[in-house]
Amino acid sequence: MAESKLKATQPIGIFDSGIGGLTVANAIAKALPKEQLIYFGDTAHLPYGDKSPDSIKYYSIRIAQFLMQQNCKMIVVACNTASALAYETVKDFVGNRIPVIDVVEPVVEEILKDKKNKHIGVIATKGTIKSDIYAKKIKEKNKNLTVSSQATPLLASMIEEGFFNNKISRTIIFDYLSRPKIKKIDSLILACTHYPLIRKEVDEFYHGKIKIYDNAEVVAKKVAAVLKSAKLLSPTKNTNHKFFVSDYTKSFEESSRFFFPSKIKLAEAAIWK
């Protein structure tokens, strides 16, 4: 396979529509401190949740192409909507040249490990909820589990603008979580990579009584396992991370420092022009 020609010192490529995927990038950086990361935030098209499947597939292929041009040894689709609608498309495009990891399958695997889970709630963008990807994958492997999904379309844009851990975000989050669809759940999937930033507020709503799953740490473990299996874990430390956006925004630069406190190199990559 072409993967054998890859070098362990090559960077890991990660992409999302905006800052949400930085939660995954941060978790990967902590789990694999020797790895160099190249991040692409498609800020020109955020949020992906209200875009058509064909548009998301096109964006994802073009970004995958960009990350391959950056010599990445792996691509992490750090967006639930893109994972739901374009993961297979990206895998087909990449072929067997480099591994591709999504953010859905690793979380589904974690859900199925815990036998206490009976009624799982899912909150996500409209695109992810419409795809019904989590319910389909969970029910394929365990028909006895109940999965209830609730679209929460305001949350990604709210977080992207820096509204989290305040009165405004708490009001909106609590309203969504009070909806009848996701009452009486025993666990909840935060099915958007932006949502780890509001995990504290979600936990507050449930008074810590339900198990909450987010993508970041789970996906980081999966990335480590795949790279280890392929003998592609970097032997030398390179934290010269690179951050690209398709449309520069001040809020992205400020929010990125929440995850990577040291001065980051943020560049605009005009791949759509």
C-alpha atoms as a PDB file:
ATOM      1  CA  MET A   1       0.000   0.000   0.000  1.00  0.00           C
ATOM      2  CA  ALA A   2       1.022   3.588  -0.615  1.00  0.00           C
ATOM      3  CA  GLU A   3       0.839   4.243   3.112  1.00  0.00           C
ATOM      4  CA  SER A   4       4.191   2.426   3.550  1.00  0.00           C
ATOM      5  CA  LYS A   5       5.884   5.194   1.562  1.00  0.00           C
ATOM      6  CA  LEU A   6       4.780   7.825   4.047  1.00  0.00           C
ATOM      7  CA  LYS A   7       7.245   9.234   6.552  1.00  0.00           C
ATOM      8  CA  ALA A   8       6.470   9.364  10.256  1.00  0.00           C
ATOM      9  CA  THR A   9       7.761  12.952  10.384  1.00  0.00           C
ATOM     10  CA  GLN A  10       5.050  14.206   8.016  1.00  0.00           C
ATOM     11  CA  PRO A  11       2.265  16.336   9.603  1.00  0.00           C
ATOM     12  CA  ILE A  12      -1.320  15.394  10.452  1.00  0.00           C
ATOM     13  CA  GLY A  13      -3.946  17.320   8.477  1.00  0.00           C
ATOM     14  CA  ILE A  14      -7.181  18.383  10.195  1.00  0.00           C
ATOM     15  CA  PHE A  15     -10.136  20.328   8.823  1.00  0.00           C
ATOM     16  CA  ASP A  16     -13.466  21.779   9.886  1.00  0.00           C
ATOM     17  CA  SER A  17     -15.746  24.611   8.836  1.00  0.00           C
ATOM     18  CA  GLY A  18     -14.336  26.901  11.539  1.00  0.00           C
ATOM     19  CA  ILE A  19     -12.971  26.773  15.085  1.00  0.00           C
ATOM     20  CA  GLY A  20     -14.822  23.629  16.164  1.00  0.00           C
ATOM     21  CA  GLY A  21     -12.175  21.285  14.835  1.00  0.00           C
ATOM     22  CA  LEU A  22      -9.633  23.021  17.047  1.00  0.00           C
ATOM     23  CA  THR A  23     -11.104  21.005  19.936  1.00  0.00           C
ATOM     24  CA  VAL A  24      -9.981  17.876  18.068  1.00  0.00           C
ATOM     25  CA  ALA A  25      -6.637  19.421  17.096  1.00  0.00           C
ATOM     26  CA  ASN A  26      -5.997  20.352  20.723  1.00  0.00           C
ATOM     27  CA  ALA A  27      -6.800  16.827  21.923  1.00  0.00           C
ATOM     28  CA  ILE A  28      -4.490  15.336  19.277  1.00  0.00           C
ATOM     29  CA  ALA A  29      -1.702  17.748  20.269  1.00  0.00           C
ATOM     30  CA  LYS A  30      -2.052  16.627  23.901  1.00  0.00           C
ATOM     31  CA  ALA A  31      -2.226  12.913  23.076  1.00  0.00           C
ATOM     32  CA  LEU A  32       0.596  13.087  20.519  1.00  0.00           C
ATOM     33  CA  PRO A  33       2.880  15.948  21.593  1.00  0.00           C
ATOM     34  CA  LYS A  34       5.555  15.121  19.002  1.00  0.00           C
ATOM     35  CA  GLU A  35       3.265  15.509  16.011  1.00  0.00           C
ATOM     36  CA  GLN A  36       3.077  18.539  13.740  1.00  0.00           C
ATOM     37  CA  LEU A  37      -0.480  19.607  12.880  1.00  0.00           C
ATOM     38  CA  ILE A  38      -1.775  21.437   9.829  1.00  0.00           C
ATOM     39  CA  TYR A  39      -5.270  22.803  10.388  1.00  0.00           C
ATOM     40  CA  PHE A  40      -7.700  24.187   7.832  1.00  0.00           C
ATOM     41  CA  GLY A  41     -10.812  26.107   8.909  1.00  0.00           C
ATOM     42  CA  ASP A  42     -13.206  26.726   6.029  1.00  0.00           C
ATOM     43  CA  THR A  43     -14.457  30.000   7.470  1.00  0.00           C
ATOM     44  CA  ALA A  44     -15.669  31.140   4.041  1.00  0.00           C
ATOM     45  CA  HIS A  45     -18.428  28.528   4.164  1.00  0.00           C
ATOM     46  CA  LEU A  46     -19.274  28.099   7.848  1.00  0.00           C
ATOM     47  CA  PRO A  47     -21.428  26.658   9.209  1.00  0.00           C
ATOM     48  CA  TYR A  48     -21.541  23.460   7.170  1.00  0.00           C
ATOM     49  CA  GLY A  49     -24.754  22.384   8.897  1.00  0.00           C
ATOM     50  CA  ASP A  50     -27.025  24.347   6.568  1.00  0.00           C
ATOM     51  CA  LYS A  51     -25.180  23.567   3.310  1.00  0.00           C
ATOM     52  CA  SER A  52     -26.261  20.977   0.723  1.00  0.00           C
ATOM     53  CA  PRO A  53     -24.627  17.525   0.730  1.00  0.00           C
ATOM     54  CA  ASP A  54     -23.111  18.174  -2.706  1.00  0.00           C
ATOM     55  CA  SER A  55     -21.553  21.444  -1.513  1.00  0.00           C
ATOM     56  CA  ILE A  56     -20.054  19.781   1.557  1.00  0.00           C
ATOM     57  CA  LYS A  57     -18.613  16.966  -0.569  1.00  0.00           C
ATOM     58  CA  TYR A  58     -17.036  19.516  -2.904  1.00  0.00           C
ATOM     59  CA  TYR A  59     -15.574  21.593  -0.043  1.00  0.00           C
ATOM     60  CA  SER A  60     -14.224  18.463   1.641  1.00  0.00           C
ATOM     61  CA  ILE A  61     -12.514  17.111  -1.480  1.00  0.00           C
ATOM     62  CA  ARG A  62     -10.909  20.458  -2.217  1.00  0.00           C
ATOM     63  CA  ILE A  63      -9.644  20.808   1.373  1.00  0.00           C
ATOM     64  CA  ALA A  64      -8.354  17.215   1.346  1.00  0.00           C
ATOM     65  CA  GLN A  65      -6.449  18.081  -1.820  1.00  0.00           C
ATOM     66  CA  PHE A  66      -4.958  21.139  -0.102  1.00  0.00           C
ATOM     67  CA  LEU A  67      -3.870  19.085   2.929  1.00  0.00           C
ATOM     68  CA  MET A  68      -2.260  16.494   0.701  1.00  0.00           C
ATOM     69  CA  GLN A  69      -0.370  19.295  -1.032  1.00  0.00           C
ATOM     70  CA  GLN A  70       0.896  20.185   2.457  1.00  0.00           C
ATOM     71  CA  ASN A  71       2.411  16.682   2.605  1.00  0.00           C
ATOM     72  CA  CYS A  72       0.115  15.403   5.368  1.00  0.00           C
ATOM     73  CA  LYS A  73       0.365  11.720   6.343  1.00  0.00           C
ATOM     74  CA  MET A  74      -3.239  11.566   7.578  1.00  0.00           C
ATOM     75  CA  ILE A  75      -6.453  13.577   7.200  1.00  0.00           C
ATOM     76  CA  VAL A  76      -8.844  14.015  10.123  1.00  0.00           C
ATOM     77  CA  VAL A  77     -12.312  15.168   9.080  1.00  0.00           C
ATOM     78  CA  ALA A  78     -12.897  17.154  12.288  1.00  0.00           C
ATOM     79  CA  CYS A  79     -16.474  18.086  11.444  1.00  0.00           C
ATOM     80  CA  ASN A  80     -19.556  15.994  12.128  1.00  0.00           C
ATOM     81  CA  THR A  81     -21.484  17.278   9.118  1.00  0.00           C
ATOM     82  CA  ALA A  82     -18.573  16.616   6.753  1.00  0.00           C
ATOM     83  CA  SER A  83     -18.005  13.228   8.414  1.00  0.00           C
ATOM     84  CA  ALA A  84     -21.667  12.342   7.928  1.00  0.00           C
ATOM     85  CA  LEU A  85     -21.972  13.544   4.340  1.00  0.00           C
ATOM     86  CA  ALA A  86     -18.500  13.498   2.813  1.00  0.00           C
ATOM     87  CA  TYR A  87     -16.283  11.004   4.672  1.00  0.00           C
ATOM     88  CA  GLU A  88     -16.705   8.237   2.094  1.00  0.00           C
ATOM     89  CA  THR A  89     -16.209  10.779  -0.709  1.00  0.00           C
ATOM     90  CA  VAL A  90     -12.935  11.974   0.826  1.00  0.00           C
ATOM     91  CA  LYS A  91     -11.773   8.364   1.322  1.00  0.00           C
ATOM     92  CA  ASP A  92     -12.530   7.583  -2.326  1.00  0.00           C
ATOM     93  CA  PHE A  93     -10.672  10.714  -3.430  1.00  0.00           C
ATOM     94  CA  VAL A  94      -7.624   9.987  -1.270  1.00  0.00           C
ATOM     95  CA  GLY A  95      -7.639   6.284  -2.103  1.00  0.00           C
ATOM     96  CA  ASN A  96      -5.008   4.328  -0.179  1.00  0.00           C
ATOM     97  CA  ARG A  97      -2.455   7.133  -0.279  1.00  0.00           C
ATOM     98  CA  ILE A  98      -3.023   8.255   3.324  1.00  0.00           C
ATOM     99  CA  PRO A  99      -5.387   7.255   6.176  1.00  0.00           C
ATOM    100  CA  VAL A 100      -8.588   9.269   6.677  1.00  0.00           C
ATOM    101  CA  ILE A 101     -10.295   9.464  10.082  1.00  0.00           C
ATOM    102  CA  ASP A 102     -13.817  10.772  10.694  1.00  0.00           C
ATOM    103  CA  VAL A 103     -15.308  11.939  13.991  1.00  0.00           C
ATOM    104  CA  VAL A 104     -18.450   9.783  13.982  1.00  0.00           C
ATOM    105  CA  GLU A 105     -17.256   6.165  14.051  1.00  0.00           C
ATOM    106  CA  PRO A 106     -14.885   6.555  17.051  1.00  0.00           C
ATOM    107  CA  VAL A 107     -17.703   8.011  19.186  1.00  0.00           C
ATOM    108  CA  VAL A 108     -20.141   5.286  18.106  1.00  0.00           C
ATOM    109  CA  GLU A 109     -17.550   2.706  19.179  1.00  0.00           C
ATOM    110  CA  GLU A 110     -17.307   4.360  22.624  1.00  0.00           C
ATOM    111  CA  ILE A 111     -21.099   4.462  22.995  1.00  0.00           C
ATOM    112  CA  LEU A 112     -21.388   0.745  22.264  1.00  0.00           C
ATOM    113  CA  LYS A 113     -18.703  -0.169  24.808  1.00  0.00           C
ATOM    114  CA  ASP A 114     -20.797   1.094  27.733  1.00  0.00           C
ATOM    115  CA  LYS A 115     -23.595  -1.397  28.404  1.00  0.00           C
ATOM    116  CA  LYS A 116     -25.329   1.151  30.665  1.00  0.00           C
ATOM    117  CA  ASN A 117     -26.351   3.199  27.639  1.00  0.00           C
ATOM    118  CA  LYS A 118     -29.983   2.537  26.693  1.00  0.00           C
ATOM    119  CA  HIS A 119     -31.377   5.857  25.451  1.00  0.00           C
ATOM    120  CA  ILE A 120     -28.837   8.061  23.669  1.00  0.00           C
ATOM    121  CA  GLY A 121     -29.494  11.684  22.785  1.00  0.00           C
ATOM    122  CA  VAL A 122     -27.777  13.485  19.924  1.00  0.00           C
ATOM    123  CA  ILE A 123     -27.487  17.246  19.422  1.00  0.00           C
ATOM    124  CA  ALA A 124     -25.933  18.606  16.252  1.00  0.00           C
ATOM    125  CA  THR A 125     -26.310  20.883  13.242  1.00  0.00           C
ATOM    126  CA  LYS A 126     -29.217  20.428  10.843  1.00  0.00           C
ATOM    127  CA  GLY A 127     -26.980  18.654   8.325  1.00  0.00           C
ATOM    128  CA  THR A 128     -25.763  16.031  10.792  1.00  0.00           C
ATOM    129  CA  ILE A 129     -29.241  15.435  12.228  1.00  0.00           C
ATOM    130  CA  LYS A 130     -30.798  15.166   8.757  1.00  0.00           C
ATOM    131  CA  SER A 131     -28.212  12.542   7.792  1.00  0.00           C
ATOM    132  CA  ASP A 132     -29.241  10.527  10.897  1.00  0.00           C
ATOM    133  CA  ILE A 133     -25.690   9.144  10.826  1.00  0.00           C
ATOM    134  CA  TYR A 134     -25.364   8.429  14.565  1.00  0.00           C
ATOM    135  CA  ALA A 135     -28.703   6.632  14.875  1.00  0.00           C
ATOM    136  CA  LYS A 136     -27.985   4.555  11.759  1.00  0.00           C
ATOM    137  CA  LYS A 137     -24.528   3.469  12.896  1.00  0.00           C
ATOM    138  CA  ILE A 138     -25.606   2.746  16.475  1.00  0.00           C
ATOM    139  CA  LYS A 139     -28.734   0.798  15.452  1.00  0.00           C
ATOM    140  CA  GLU A 140     -26.746  -1.205  12.881  1.00  0.00           C
ATOM    141  CA  LYS A 141     -24.714  -2.654  15.733  1.00  0.00           C
ATOM    142  CA  ASN A 142     -27.320  -2.735  18.502  1.00  0.00           C
ATOM    143  CA  LYS A 143     -31.006  -2.586  17.561  1.00  0.00           C
ATOM    144  CA  ASN A 144     -32.031  -2.514  21.226  1.00  0.00           C
ATOM    145  CA  LEU A 145     -30.678   0.989  21.797  1.00  0.00           C
ATOM    146  CA  THR A 146     -32.893   4.056  21.458  1.00  0.00           C
ATOM    147  CA  VAL A 147     -31.431   7.136  19.763  1.00  0.00           C
ATOM    148  CA  SER A 148     -33.194  10.516  19.864  1.00  0.00           C
ATOM    149  CA  SER A 149     -31.810  13.424  17.863  1.00  0.00           C
ATOM    150  CA  GLN A 150     -32.337  17.175  18.178  1.00  0.00           C
ATOM    151  CA  ALA A 151     -31.082  19.788  15.710  1.00  0.00           C
ATOM    152  CA  THR A 152     -29.440  22.751  17.473  1.00  0.00           C
ATOM    153  CA  PRO A 153     -28.697  25.096  14.533  1.00  0.00           C
ATOM    154  CA  LEU A 154     -27.796  28.210  16.508  1.00  0.00           C
ATOM    155  CA  LEU A 155     -25.023  26.679  18.588  1.00  0.00           C
ATOM    156  CA  ALA A 156     -22.143  26.429  16.084  1.00  0.00           C
ATOM    157  CA  SER A 157     -22.522  30.027  14.897  1.00  0.00           C
ATOM    158  CA  MET A 158     -22.940  31.204  18.494  1.00  0.00           C
ATOM    159  CA  ILE A 159     -19.724  29.474  19.559  1.00  0.00           C
ATOM    160  CA  GLU A 160     -17.897  30.659  16.431  1.00  0.00           C
ATOM    161  CA  GLU A 161     -18.664  34.231  17.517  1.00  0.00           C
ATOM    162  CA  GLY A 162     -17.294  33.592  21.009  1.00  0.00           C
ATOM    163  CA  PHE A 163     -20.595  33.205  22.832  1.00  0.00           C
ATOM    164  CA  PHE A 164     -20.070  30.392  25.312  1.00  0.00           C
ATOM    165  CA  ASN A 165     -19.950  30.195  29.111  1.00  0.00           C
ATOM    166  CA  ASN A 166     -22.170  33.255  29.477  1.00  0.00           C
ATOM    167  CA  LYS A 167     -25.837  34.115  30.056  1.00  0.00           C
ATOM    168  CA  ILE A 168     -26.690  34.243  26.360  1.00  0.00           C
ATOM    169  CA  SER A 169     -25.247  30.816  25.572  1.00  0.00           C
ATOM    170  CA  ARG A 170     -26.740  29.265  28.710  1.00  0.00           C
ATOM    171  CA  THR A 171     -30.242  30.470  27.774  1.00  0.00           C
ATOM    172  CA  ILE A 172     -30.023  29.040  24.247  1.00  0.00           C
ATOM    173  CA  ILE A 173     -28.431  25.752  25.359  1.00  0.00           C
ATOM    174  CA  PHE A 174     -30.951  25.184  28.141  1.00  0.00           C
ATOM    175  CA  ASP A 175     -33.817  25.861  25.722  1.00  0.00           C
ATOM    176  CA  TYR A 176     -32.560  23.260  23.241  1.00  0.00           C
ATOM    177  CA  LEU A 177     -31.910  20.659  25.929  1.00  0.00           C
ATOM    178  CA  SER A 178     -35.439  21.121  27.272  1.00  0.00           C
ATOM    179  CA  ARG A 179     -37.014  19.975  24.001  1.00  0.00           C
ATOM    180  CA  PRO A 180     -39.261  16.876  24.281  1.00  0.00           C
ATOM    181  CA  LYS A 181     -37.234  14.851  21.750  1.00  0.00           C
ATOM    182  CA  ILE A 182     -34.264  14.427  24.066  1.00  0.00           C
ATOM    183  CA  LYS A 183     -35.992  14.059  27.410  1.00  0.00           C
ATOM    184  CA  LYS A 184     -35.343  10.951  29.513  1.00  0.00           C
ATOM    185  CA  ILE A 185     -31.977  10.186  27.893  1.00  0.00           C
ATOM    186  CA  ASP A 186     -29.167   8.507  29.847  1.00  0.00           C
ATOM    187  CA  SER A 187     -26.316   9.749  27.650  1.00  0.00           C
ATOM    188  CA  LEU A 188     -25.770  12.566  25.168  1.00  0.00           C
ATOM    189  CA  ILE A 189     -23.532  12.890  22.121  1.00  0.00           C
ATOM    190  CA  LEU A 190     -22.285  16.414  21.455  1.00  0.00           C
ATOM    191  CA  ALA A 191     -22.243  15.716  17.719  1.00  0.00           C
ATOM    192  CA  CYS A 192     -20.473  18.862  16.596  1.00  0.00           C
ATOM    193  CA  THR A 193     -16.811  19.596  17.170  1.00  0.00           C
ATOM    194  CA  HIS A 194     -17.739  23.089  18.377  1.00  0.00           C
ATOM    195  CA  TYR A 195     -19.726  21.653  21.270  1.00  0.00           C
ATOM    196  CA  PRO A 196     -16.911  20.646  23.659  1.00  0.00           C
ATOM    197  CA  LEU A 197     -16.680  24.390  24.316  1.00  0.00           C
ATOM    198  CA  ILE A 198     -20.165  24.285  25.866  1.00  0.00           C
ATOM    199  CA  ARG A 199     -19.750  20.946  27.626  1.00  0.00           C
ATOM    200  CA  LYS A 200     -19.668  22.608  31.040  1.00  0.00           C
ATOM    201  CA  GLU A 201     -23.018  24.289  30.400  1.00  0.00           C
ATOM    202  CA  VAL A 202     -24.556  21.065  29.083  1.00  0.00           C
ATOM    203  CA  ASP A 203     -23.348  19.201  32.158  1.00  0.00           C
ATOM    204  CA  GLU A 204     -24.800  21.966  34.318  1.00  0.00           C
ATOM    205  CA  PHE A 205     -28.224  21.490  32.703  1.00  0.00           C
ATOM    206  CA  TYR A 206     -28.203  17.776  33.511  1.00  0.00           C
ATOM    207  CA  HIS A 207     -26.656  18.317  36.966  1.00  0.00           C
ATOM    208  CA  GLY A 208     -23.929  15.831  36.061  1.00  0.00           C
ATOM    209  CA  LYS A 209     -26.422  12.962  35.964  1.00  0.00           C
ATOM    210  CA  ILE A 210     -25.928  11.761  32.399  1.00  0.00           C
ATOM    211  CA  LYS A 211     -22.839  10.683  30.486  1.00  0.00           C
ATOM    212  CA  ILE A 212     -21.695  13.170  27.861  1.00  0.00           C
ATOM    213  CA  TYR A 213     -19.670  12.175  24.809  1.00  0.00           C
ATOM    214  CA  ASP A 214     -17.755  14.588  22.603  1.00  0.00           C
ATOM    215  CA  ASN A 215     -15.488  13.874  19.665  1.00  0.00           C
ATOM    216  CA  ALA A 216     -12.201  15.448  20.714  1.00  0.00           C
ATOM    217  CA  GLU A 217     -10.518  12.979  23.102  1.00  0.00           C
ATOM    218  CA  VAL A 218     -12.122   9.924  21.499  1.00  0.00           C
ATOM    219  CA  VAL A 219     -10.891  10.899  18.025  1.00  0.00           C
ATOM    220  CA  ALA A 220      -7.410  11.704  19.377  1.00  0.00           C
ATOM    221  CA  LYS A 221      -7.170   8.126  20.723  1.00  0.00           C
ATOM    222  CA  LYS A 222      -8.258   6.765  17.350  1.00  0.00           C
ATOM    223  CA  VAL A 223      -5.652   8.873  15.521  1.00  0.00           C
ATOM    224  CA  ALA A 224      -2.934   7.598  17.857  1.00  0.00           C
ATOM    225  CA  ALA A 225      -4.019   3.987  17.381  1.00  0.00           C
ATOM    226  CA  VAL A 226      -4.098   4.217  13.574  1.00  0.00           C
ATOM    227  CA  LEU A 227      -0.707   5.930  13.349  1.00  0.00           C
ATOM    228  CA  LYS A 228       0.832   3.431  15.759  1.00  0.00           C
ATOM    229  CA  SER A 229      -0.534   0.506  13.747  1.00  0.00           C
ATOM    230  CA  ALA A 230       0.862   2.019  10.533  1.00  0.00           C
ATOM    231  CA  LYS A 231       4.212   2.750  12.239  1.00  0.00           C
ATOM    232  CA  LEU A 232       3.738   6.443  11.483  1.00  0.00           C
ATOM    233  CA  LEU A 233       4.076   7.972  14.969  1.00  0.00           C
ATOM    234  CA  SER A 234       6.600  10.791  14.783  1.00  0.00           C
ATOM    235  CA  PRO A 235       9.909   9.875  16.501  1.00  0.00           C
ATOM    236  CA  THR A 236      10.971  13.519  16.806  1.00  0.00           C
ATOM    237  CA  LYS A 237       9.110  16.510  18.195  1.00  0.00           C
ATOM    238  CA  ASN A 238       7.842  19.132  15.749  1.00  0.00           C
ATOM    239  CA  THR A 239       5.246  21.534  17.106  1.00  0.00           C
ATOM    240  CA  ASN A 240       5.563  24.003  14.260  1.00  0.00           C
ATOM    241  CA  HIS A 241       1.819  23.789  13.753  1.00  0.00           C
ATOM    242  CA  LYS A 242       0.264  25.653  10.841  1.00  0.00           C
ATOM    243  CA  PHE A 243      -3.237  27.092  10.810  1.00  0.00           C
ATOM    244  CA  PHE A 244      -5.050  28.065   7.626  1.00  0.00           C
ATOM    245  CA  VAL A 245      -8.459  29.633   7.051  1.00  0.00           C
ATOM    246  CA  SER A 246     -10.295  30.229   3.797  1.00  0.00           C
ATOM    247  CA  ASP A 247     -11.447  33.649   5.001  1.00  0.00           C
ATOM    248  CA  TYR A 248      -9.553  35.464   7.762  1.00  0.00           C
ATOM    249  CA  THR A 249     -11.621  36.451  10.797  1.00  0.00           C
ATOM    250  CA  LYS A 250     -10.391  38.112  13.964  1.00  0.00           C
ATOM    251  CA  SER A 251     -12.685  35.911  16.070  1.00  0.00           C
ATOM    252  CA  PHE A 252     -11.017  32.766  14.696  1.00  0.00           C
ATOM    253  CA  GLU A 253      -7.563  34.020  15.596  1.00  0.00           C
ATOM    254  CA  GLU A 254      -8.697  34.982  19.110  1.00  0.00           C
ATOM    255  CA  SER A 255     -10.551  31.698  19.682  1.00  0.00           C
ATOM    256  CA  SER A 256      -7.619  29.635  18.395  1.00  0.00           C
ATOM    257  CA  ARG A 257      -5.470  30.984  21.226  1.00  0.00           C
ATOM    258  CA  PHE A 258      -7.915  29.405  23.665  1.00  0.00           C
ATOM    259  CA  PHE A 259      -6.563  26.034  22.469  1.00  0.00           C
ATOM    260  CA  PHE A 260      -3.033  26.984  21.433  1.00  0.00           C
ATOM    261  CA  PRO A 261      -1.906  29.810  23.777  1.00  0.00           C
ATOM    262  CA  SER A 262       1.422  30.394  22.080  1.00  0.00           C
ATOM    263  CA  LYS A 263       1.382  32.682  19.080  1.00  0.00           C
ATOM    264  CA  ILE A 264       0.017  30.715  16.140  1.00  0.00           C
ATOM    265  CA  LYS A 265       0.817  31.179  12.490  1.00  0.00           C
ATOM    266  CA  LEU A 266      -2.575  31.923  10.961  1.00  0.00           C
ATOM    267  CA  ALA A 267      -2.614  32.240   7.190  1.00  0.00           C
ATOM    268  CA  GLU A 268      -5.370  32.713   4.662  1.00  0.00           C
ATOM    269  CA  ALA A 269      -5.390  30.023   1.983  1.00  0.00           C
ATOM    270  CA  ALA A 270      -7.586  31.264  -0.820  1.00  0.00           C
ATOM    271  CA  ILE A 271      -8.368  27.831  -2.229  1.00  0.00           C
ATOM    272  CA  TRP A 272     -11.754  28.961  -3.519  1.00  0.00           C
ATOM    273  CA  LYS A 273     -10.399  31.773  -5.692  1.00  0.00           C
END
